[in-house]
Amino acid sequence: MLAVALAAGFTAALGRRLAAAAGLPSPAFTGLLAGLLLVAAPQATRYAQEARSYGIVAMLATLATYLLVRALADDRWRWWAGYGAALACAGLFNLFSLLLIVAHGLSLLALRAGPVATRPPGRQLRRWGGAAVAAVAVLMPLLVAGYRQRVQVAWLTRPGWGVASSLVQGFAGSHAAVVPVALLALAGAVAGLVPRRAAALTPGVIAVPWLAAPGVILLAVSQVHPLFTGRYVEFSQPAVALLCAAGLSWLAGLAARVPQPLAHRLAWLPPVAIVALLGVLLAGPQQSVRRPDARIDNLRWASTILHWVFWYIGVPAVLLGALGAALLARRCLRGQAPGWTRACAQN
């Protein structure tokens, strides 16, 4: 739960910077909206409730992306070092999260292919490559061990179109939300595509490869050697939130430019209406993932066992310990301390 909450915070900070770079209206509100959209995603809620590492990986992937944006902004080594460390930590929890390096590479290539005024200097590409190579090098022993234990994922089967469809629905939150989320994400990808300053990553440039590359690569590889399951690419969920928030911000700016007297004051209506629609579409899935029977583990039974252990074993043990300590202190005050206490005092 804490990891997903931190991921939402990093998503908000990242969204604010990307929106500012793209020239979208109200970057701070765009970032806040991105963080809220992440926690509203049923898939994020599901993995926030689990003890498995997928929420932590999503948090570290978002942190790594934020540090990449900061590193491109001022090019100091501390940002690059933090970026490499975040990548290594994400790979430590899930080796498939290293596919984020490919996504970031595609973002930098897209930025490099843009207008000359917005291209990052060559030294930044070299520093990014050095940080990525360092992260992979640190994880090399784990990569070798994971390859030797690949039999642990032998239960996975070759994914088909149904698996790809389930992945899309998981990112959108529900089957009914696929179309509105896709349209919002498309608007966010197109809006402000060209950055306003050099080496600045916009929502579309950073979030589209982040969303698409890990899933597509893993699905393609799984046609030869099955490795895919949806939770392995859960770290791409913040990219959906970033694109949708950018799309909503762009719609508000578009509505404000309509040549009508009340257009500026009513520019907030389209985004609010869309958010309300998403809330209705995601309310059911959110309620479903919060039910006790939505998880493989029987948490209610585990809670009952812990309750029984606490009240019938833990509390009596504490009370007996406190009673024994009180009796021992009383004997010591009367000069009747047991021999073992005097021996311990002498030692």
Foldseek 3Di string as FASTA:
>chain_A
DVLLLLLLVLQLVQQLQQCVQLVFPPSNVLSNQLSVVLVLALLLVLVVPDPACLSNLLSLLSVLLSLLQVCLVPVDVVSLLSNLVSLLVSCVRPVLSLLLLVLVVQLLVVQCPDDPQAHGDPVSVVSNVVSSVVSCVVCVVVVVVCVVVVVVQVVFAQDDVVQVVVLLCSLQRHPVRSVVLVVQLVLLLPRSVDTPGYSHGHLNSRLPSLQPRSVVVQNVVCNVPNDDDNSSSSSSSSSSSSSNSSSLSNQLVVQCPPPDPCSVVCSNVVSVVSVVVSCVVNVVSNVLSPDQVNDPDNVVVVVVVVVCCCPVPVVVVVVVVVVVVVVQVVCVVVVNHDPVVVVVVVD
